[in-house]
Amino acid sequence: MVTGFGLWLASELVGGVHLADGLDPLATVGTLLVVALLLAVVDALAVGLRRAVALACEPLPVAIAAAVALNAALFWVTAALADAAGLGFSVAGFLPALLGSLVVLAVGWLTRPSLSRAG
């Protein structure tokens, strides 16, 4: 659900990340949950690619930039699959995918329970 909220927020904040207009609220939530599930599947399938990129990039700044670019590419692929499946979610290029993936990442990070509050 957190990823679905991040996807919705990205569609509201980032030009080029589009959620189909005219959907009733239930259909919008359903679309966001299905796209979030699709994103999780694409992300899980890319574990090997993530490890290869991490091993290939030795200096930390290069590894971070590569990880951010890979996240954007996975976000873009997910949106292309969702759009092809007629789910009503699309991304209009790499820059919107980059910004959208950062919004989803930030929402996930902000909603993750803090270790300091766990005790």
N, C-alpha and C. Protein backbone atom coordinates (compact mmCIF):
# COMPACT_ATOMS: atom_id res chain seq x y z
N MET A 1 0.82 -1.19 0.00
CA MET A 1 0.00 0.00 0.00
C MET A 1 0.87 1.26 0.00
N VAL A 2 2.01 1.17 0.67
CA VAL A 2 2.91 2.32 0.71
C VAL A 2 3.42 2.63 -0.69
N THR A 3 3.77 1.62 -1.44
CA THR A 3 4.24 1.84 -2.81
C THR A 3 3.13 2.42 -3.67
N GLY A 4 1.92 1.93 -3.48
CA GLY A 4 0.77 2.49 -4.21
C GLY A 4 0.58 3.96 -3.91
N PHE A 5 0.73 4.34 -2.64
CA PHE A 5 0.64 5.75 -2.27
C PHE A 5 1.77 6.54 -2.93
N GLY A 6 2.98 5.97 -2.94
CA GLY A 6 4.11 6.64 -3.59
C GLY A 6 3.87 6.82 -5.08
N LEU A 7 3.28 5.83 -5.72
CA LEU A 7 2.95 5.95 -7.14
C LEU A 7 1.92 7.05 -7.38
N TRP A 8 0.91 7.10 -6.51
CA TRP A 8 -0.10 8.16 -6.64
C TRP A 8 0.55 9.52 -6.46
N LEU A 9 1.39 9.66 -5.42
CA LEU A 9 2.04 10.93 -5.15
C LEU A 9 2.95 11.33 -6.31
N ALA A 10 3.65 10.37 -6.88
CA ALA A 10 4.49 10.66 -8.05
C ALA A 10 3.65 11.16 -9.21
N SER A 11 2.47 10.57 -9.40
CA SER A 11 1.60 11.02 -10.50
C SER A 11 1.07 12.43 -10.25
N GLU A 12 0.97 12.81 -9.00
CA GLU A 12 0.51 14.16 -8.66
C GLU A 12 1.63 15.20 -8.74
N LEU A 13 2.85 14.81 -8.39
CA LEU A 13 3.94 15.76 -8.27
C LEU A 13 4.85 15.85 -9.49
N VAL A 14 4.97 14.77 -10.24
CA VAL A 14 5.95 14.71 -11.34
C VAL A 14 5.23 14.80 -12.67
N GLY A 15 5.55 15.84 -13.42
CA GLY A 15 5.03 15.92 -14.77
C GLY A 15 5.61 14.80 -15.61
N GLY A 16 4.79 14.09 -16.33
CA GLY A 16 5.26 12.97 -17.14
C GLY A 16 4.94 11.63 -16.53
N VAL A 17 4.53 11.60 -15.25
CA VAL A 17 4.05 10.37 -14.62
C VAL A 17 2.53 10.52 -14.58
N HIS A 18 1.84 9.65 -15.32
CA HIS A 18 0.40 9.83 -15.52
C HIS A 18 -0.40 8.65 -14.99
N LEU A 19 -1.46 8.98 -14.30
CA LEU A 19 -2.46 8.02 -13.87
C LEU A 19 -3.72 8.39 -14.65
N ALA A 20 -4.40 7.40 -15.21
CA ALA A 20 -5.56 7.66 -16.07
C ALA A 20 -6.58 8.55 -15.36
N ASP A 21 -7.06 9.54 -16.09
CA ASP A 21 -8.10 10.44 -15.57
C ASP A 21 -9.46 9.78 -15.67
N GLY A 22 -10.37 10.21 -14.83
CA GLY A 22 -11.75 9.76 -14.91
C GLY A 22 -12.03 8.44 -14.24
N LEU A 23 -11.05 7.86 -13.56
CA LEU A 23 -11.31 6.62 -12.84
C LEU A 23 -12.03 6.94 -11.53
N ASP A 24 -12.95 6.06 -11.15
CA ASP A 24 -13.56 6.26 -9.84
C ASP A 24 -12.52 5.92 -8.78
N PRO A 25 -12.71 6.36 -7.54
CA PRO A 25 -11.69 6.14 -6.50
C PRO A 25 -11.30 4.68 -6.30
N LEU A 26 -12.25 3.78 -6.36
CA LEU A 26 -11.95 2.37 -6.18
C LEU A 26 -11.08 1.84 -7.32
N ALA A 27 -11.38 2.25 -8.54
CA ALA A 27 -10.58 1.83 -9.69
C ALA A 27 -9.17 2.42 -9.61
N THR A 28 -9.05 3.65 -9.12
CA THR A 28 -7.74 4.27 -8.95
C THR A 28 -6.91 3.50 -7.94
N VAL A 29 -7.50 3.15 -6.81
CA VAL A 29 -6.79 2.37 -5.79
C VAL A 29 -6.39 1.01 -6.35
N GLY A 30 -7.30 0.37 -7.06
CA GLY A 30 -7.00 -0.92 -7.67
C GLY A 30 -5.86 -0.83 -8.66
N THR A 31 -5.88 0.20 -9.49
CA THR A 31 -4.80 0.40 -10.47
C THR A 31 -3.47 0.59 -9.76
N LEU A 32 -3.46 1.43 -8.73
CA LEU A 32 -2.23 1.70 -8.00
C LEU A 32 -1.69 0.44 -7.32
N LEU A 33 -2.58 -0.37 -6.77
CA LEU A 33 -2.13 -1.60 -6.12
C LEU A 33 -1.58 -2.61 -7.12
N VAL A 34 -2.21 -2.71 -8.28
CA VAL A 34 -1.72 -3.63 -9.31
C VAL A 34 -0.37 -3.14 -9.85
N VAL A 35 -0.22 -1.84 -10.07
CA VAL A 35 1.05 -1.31 -10.55
C VAL A 35 2.13 -1.48 -9.47
N ALA A 36 1.77 -1.31 -8.21
CA ALA A 36 2.72 -1.52 -7.12
C ALA A 36 3.18 -2.98 -7.08
N LEU A 37 2.26 -3.89 -7.28
CA LEU A 37 2.62 -5.32 -7.35
C LEU A 37 3.52 -5.59 -8.54
N LEU A 38 3.20 -5.01 -9.68
CA LEU A 38 4.03 -5.16 -10.87
C LEU A 38 5.43 -4.60 -10.63
N LEU A 39 5.51 -3.48 -9.96
CA LEU A 39 6.81 -2.89 -9.63
C LEU A 39 7.61 -3.82 -8.72
N ALA A 40 6.94 -4.43 -7.76
CA ALA A 40 7.62 -5.37 -6.86
C ALA A 40 8.14 -6.59 -7.64
N VAL A 41 7.37 -7.07 -8.60
CA VAL A 41 7.80 -8.22 -9.41
C VAL A 41 9.00 -7.84 -10.28
N VAL A 42 8.93 -6.70 -10.95
CA VAL A 42 10.04 -6.24 -11.79
C VAL A 42 11.28 -6.04 -10.93
N ASP A 43 11.11 -5.46 -9.75
CA ASP A 43 12.23 -5.23 -8.85
C ASP A 43 12.84 -6.55 -8.39
N ALA A 44 12.00 -7.53 -8.09
CA ALA A 44 12.50 -8.84 -7.65
C ALA A 44 13.25 -9.55 -8.78
N LEU A 45 12.78 -9.39 -10.00
CA LEU A 45 13.45 -10.02 -11.14
C LEU A 45 14.81 -9.37 -11.44
N ALA A 46 15.01 -8.15 -10.96
CA ALA A 46 16.24 -7.41 -11.25
C ALA A 46 17.30 -7.55 -10.16
N VAL A 47 17.10 -8.46 -9.21
CA VAL A 47 18.07 -8.61 -8.12
C VAL A 47 19.46 -8.92 -8.66
N GLY A 48 19.55 -9.83 -9.59
CA GLY A 48 20.85 -10.18 -10.18
C GLY A 48 21.49 -8.99 -10.88
N LEU A 49 20.69 -8.22 -11.58
CA LEU A 49 21.20 -7.03 -12.26
C LEU A 49 21.70 -6.02 -11.25
N ARG A 50 20.98 -5.85 -10.15
CA ARG A 50 21.42 -4.93 -9.09
C ARG A 50 22.78 -5.36 -8.53
N ARG A 51 22.94 -6.64 -8.29
CA ARG A 51 24.22 -7.14 -7.75
C ARG A 51 25.35 -6.93 -8.75
N ALA A 52 25.08 -7.17 -10.01
CA ALA A 52 26.11 -6.98 -11.04
C ALA A 52 26.53 -5.51 -11.12
N VAL A 53 25.55 -4.62 -11.06
CA VAL A 53 25.86 -3.18 -11.11
C VAL A 53 26.65 -2.78 -9.87
N ALA A 54 26.26 -3.28 -8.71
CA ALA A 54 26.96 -2.95 -7.47
C ALA A 54 28.40 -3.43 -7.50
N LEU A 55 28.63 -4.61 -8.05
CA LEU A 55 29.99 -5.15 -8.12
C LEU A 55 30.83 -4.40 -9.15
N ALA A 56 30.20 -3.94 -10.21
CA ALA A 56 30.94 -3.27 -11.27
C ALA A 56 31.32 -1.84 -10.91
N CYS A 57 30.61 -1.24 -9.98
CA CYS A 57 30.84 0.16 -9.63
C CYS A 57 31.54 0.24 -8.28
N GLU A 58 32.84 0.48 -8.32
CA GLU A 58 33.59 0.46 -7.07
C GLU A 58 33.48 1.76 -6.28
N PRO A 59 33.77 2.92 -6.84
CA PRO A 59 33.66 4.12 -6.00
C PRO A 59 32.20 4.34 -5.59
N LEU A 60 31.99 4.69 -4.34
CA LEU A 60 30.64 4.82 -3.79
C LEU A 60 29.76 5.80 -4.58
N PRO A 61 30.23 6.98 -4.96
CA PRO A 61 29.36 7.88 -5.73
C PRO A 61 28.90 7.29 -7.06
N VAL A 62 29.77 6.54 -7.70
CA VAL A 62 29.40 5.89 -8.97
C VAL A 62 28.36 4.81 -8.71
N ALA A 63 28.53 4.05 -7.64
CA ALA A 63 27.57 3.00 -7.30
C ALA A 63 26.22 3.60 -6.96
N ILE A 64 26.20 4.70 -6.25
CA ILE A 64 24.93 5.35 -5.91
C ILE A 64 24.25 5.86 -7.17
N ALA A 65 24.99 6.51 -8.04
CA ALA A 65 24.41 7.02 -9.29
C ALA A 65 23.88 5.87 -10.14
N ALA A 66 24.62 4.76 -10.19
CA ALA A 66 24.17 3.61 -10.96
C ALA A 66 22.90 3.01 -10.36
N ALA A 67 22.82 2.95 -9.04
CA ALA A 67 21.63 2.41 -8.38
C ALA A 67 20.41 3.30 -8.64
N VAL A 68 20.60 4.60 -8.59
CA VAL A 68 19.49 5.53 -8.86
C VAL A 68 19.04 5.40 -10.32
N ALA A 69 19.99 5.31 -11.24
CA ALA A 69 19.64 5.16 -12.65
C ALA A 69 18.94 3.83 -12.90
N LEU A 70 19.39 2.76 -12.23
CA LEU A 70 18.74 1.46 -12.39
C LEU A 70 17.32 1.49 -11.83
N ASN A 71 17.12 2.13 -10.68
CA ASN A 71 15.76 2.27 -10.14
C ASN A 71 14.86 3.01 -11.11
N ALA A 72 15.38 4.07 -11.71
CA ALA A 72 14.59 4.83 -12.69
C ALA A 72 14.24 3.95 -13.89
N ALA A 73 15.19 3.17 -14.36
CA ALA A 73 14.93 2.29 -15.50
C ALA A 73 13.88 1.24 -15.15
N LEU A 74 13.95 0.67 -13.95
CA LEU A 74 12.95 -0.32 -13.53
C LEU A 74 11.57 0.32 -13.38
N PHE A 75 11.52 1.55 -12.89
CA PHE A 75 10.26 2.29 -12.78
C PHE A 75 9.67 2.51 -14.18
N TRP A 76 10.53 2.87 -15.11
CA TRP A 76 10.11 3.11 -16.49
C TRP A 76 9.61 1.83 -17.14
N VAL A 77 10.32 0.73 -16.94
CA VAL A 77 9.88 -0.56 -17.49
C VAL A 77 8.54 -0.96 -16.90
N THR A 78 8.38 -0.77 -15.61
CA THR A 78 7.11 -1.09 -14.95
C THR A 78 5.97 -0.28 -15.56
N ALA A 79 6.21 1.01 -15.75
CA ALA A 79 5.18 1.87 -16.33
C ALA A 79 4.86 1.45 -17.76
N ALA A 80 5.87 1.06 -18.52
CA ALA A 80 5.63 0.60 -19.89
C ALA A 80 4.79 -0.68 -19.89
N LEU A 81 5.09 -1.60 -18.98
CA LEU A 81 4.29 -2.83 -18.87
C LEU A 81 2.86 -2.52 -18.44
N ALA A 82 2.72 -1.61 -17.48
CA ALA A 82 1.38 -1.23 -17.01
C ALA A 82 0.58 -0.56 -18.11
N ASP A 83 1.24 0.30 -18.88
CA ASP A 83 0.57 0.98 -19.98
C ASP A 83 0.17 -0.01 -21.07
N ALA A 84 1.06 -0.96 -21.38
CA ALA A 84 0.76 -1.97 -22.39
C ALA A 84 -0.39 -2.88 -21.95
N ALA A 85 -0.51 -3.10 -20.65
CA ALA A 85 -1.59 -3.93 -20.12
C ALA A 85 -2.89 -3.15 -19.97
N GLY A 86 -2.86 -1.86 -20.28
CA GLY A 86 -4.07 -1.05 -20.19
C GLY A 86 -4.46 -0.69 -18.77
N LEU A 87 -3.47 -0.59 -17.88
CA LEU A 87 -3.78 -0.28 -16.49
C LEU A 87 -3.98 1.21 -16.22
N GLY A 88 -3.61 2.05 -17.16
CA GLY A 88 -3.83 3.48 -16.97
C GLY A 88 -2.72 4.17 -16.19
N PHE A 89 -1.52 3.62 -16.23
CA PHE A 89 -0.37 4.24 -15.58
C PHE A 89 0.74 4.30 -16.61
N SER A 90 1.32 5.48 -16.82
CA SER A 90 2.37 5.62 -17.82
C SER A 90 3.40 6.66 -17.38
N VAL A 91 4.58 6.56 -17.97
CA VAL A 91 5.66 7.51 -17.71
C VAL A 91 6.19 7.95 -19.06
N ALA A 92 6.37 9.26 -19.21
CA ALA A 92 6.71 9.82 -20.52
C ALA A 92 8.20 10.11 -20.68
N GLY A 93 9.06 9.23 -20.25
CA GLY A 93 10.49 9.43 -20.47
C GLY A 93 11.33 9.08 -19.27
N PHE A 94 12.65 9.17 -19.45
CA PHE A 94 13.56 8.76 -18.39
C PHE A 94 13.57 9.75 -17.22
N LEU A 95 13.57 11.04 -17.51
CA LEU A 95 13.59 12.02 -16.42
C LEU A 95 12.36 11.91 -15.53
N PRO A 96 11.13 11.82 -16.08
CA PRO A 96 9.99 11.58 -15.20
C PRO A 96 10.11 10.25 -14.44
N ALA A 97 10.69 9.23 -15.06
CA ALA A 97 10.89 7.95 -14.37
C ALA A 97 11.87 8.12 -13.22
N LEU A 98 12.91 8.89 -13.43
CA LEU A 98 13.89 9.15 -12.38
C LEU A 98 13.24 9.87 -11.21
N LEU A 99 12.52 10.94 -11.51
CA LEU A 99 11.87 11.71 -10.44
C LEU A 99 10.77 10.89 -9.76
N GLY A 100 10.01 10.15 -10.54
CA GLY A 100 8.95 9.31 -9.97
C GLY A 100 9.52 8.23 -9.06
N SER A 101 10.61 7.61 -9.49
CA SER A 101 11.22 6.57 -8.65
C SER A 101 11.77 7.17 -7.36
N LEU A 102 12.27 8.40 -7.42
CA LEU A 102 12.75 9.06 -6.20
C LEU A 102 11.60 9.38 -5.25
N VAL A 103 10.45 9.77 -5.79
CA VAL A 103 9.28 10.03 -4.95
C VAL A 103 8.83 8.74 -4.26
N VAL A 104 8.74 7.65 -5.01
CA VAL A 104 8.34 6.36 -4.43
C VAL A 104 9.36 5.92 -3.37
N LEU A 105 10.63 6.11 -3.66
CA LEU A 105 11.69 5.76 -2.70
C LEU A 105 11.56 6.60 -1.43
N ALA A 106 11.33 7.90 -1.58
CA ALA A 106 11.20 8.79 -0.42
C ALA A 106 9.99 8.42 0.43
N VAL A 107 8.87 8.12 -0.20
CA VAL A 107 7.67 7.73 0.54
C VAL A 107 7.94 6.45 1.32
N GLY A 108 8.58 5.48 0.70
CA GLY A 108 8.92 4.24 1.39
C GLY A 108 9.85 4.48 2.56
N TRP A 109 10.84 5.34 2.36
CA TRP A 109 11.78 5.63 3.42
C TRP A 109 11.12 6.37 4.58
N LEU A 110 10.26 7.34 4.25
CA LEU A 110 9.60 8.13 5.29
C LEU A 110 8.58 7.32 6.09
N THR A 111 8.02 6.30 5.49
CA THR A 111 7.00 5.51 6.19
C THR A 111 7.58 4.28 6.87
N ARG A 112 8.86 4.01 6.67
CA ARG A 112 9.51 2.87 7.31
C ARG A 112 9.66 3.18 8.80
N PRO A 113 9.34 2.22 9.64
CA PRO A 113 9.50 2.46 11.08
C PRO A 113 10.96 2.72 11.43
N SER A 114 11.16 3.70 12.27
CA SER A 114 12.51 4.04 12.70
C SER A 114 13.03 3.04 13.71
N LEU A 115 14.28 2.67 13.62
CA LEU A 115 14.87 1.74 14.58
C LEU A 115 14.93 2.36 15.97
N SER A 116 15.08 3.69 16.03
CA SER A 116 15.17 4.32 17.35
C SER A 116 13.84 4.31 18.08
N ARG A 117 12.73 4.22 17.34
CA ARG A 117 11.41 4.18 17.97
C ARG A 117 10.96 2.77 18.26
N ALA A 118 11.70 1.78 17.80
CA ALA A 118 11.28 0.39 17.95
C ALA A 118 11.33 -0.09 19.39
N GLY A 119 12.11 0.53 20.25
CA GLY A 119 12.26 0.05 21.64
C GLY A 119 11.26 0.64 22.49
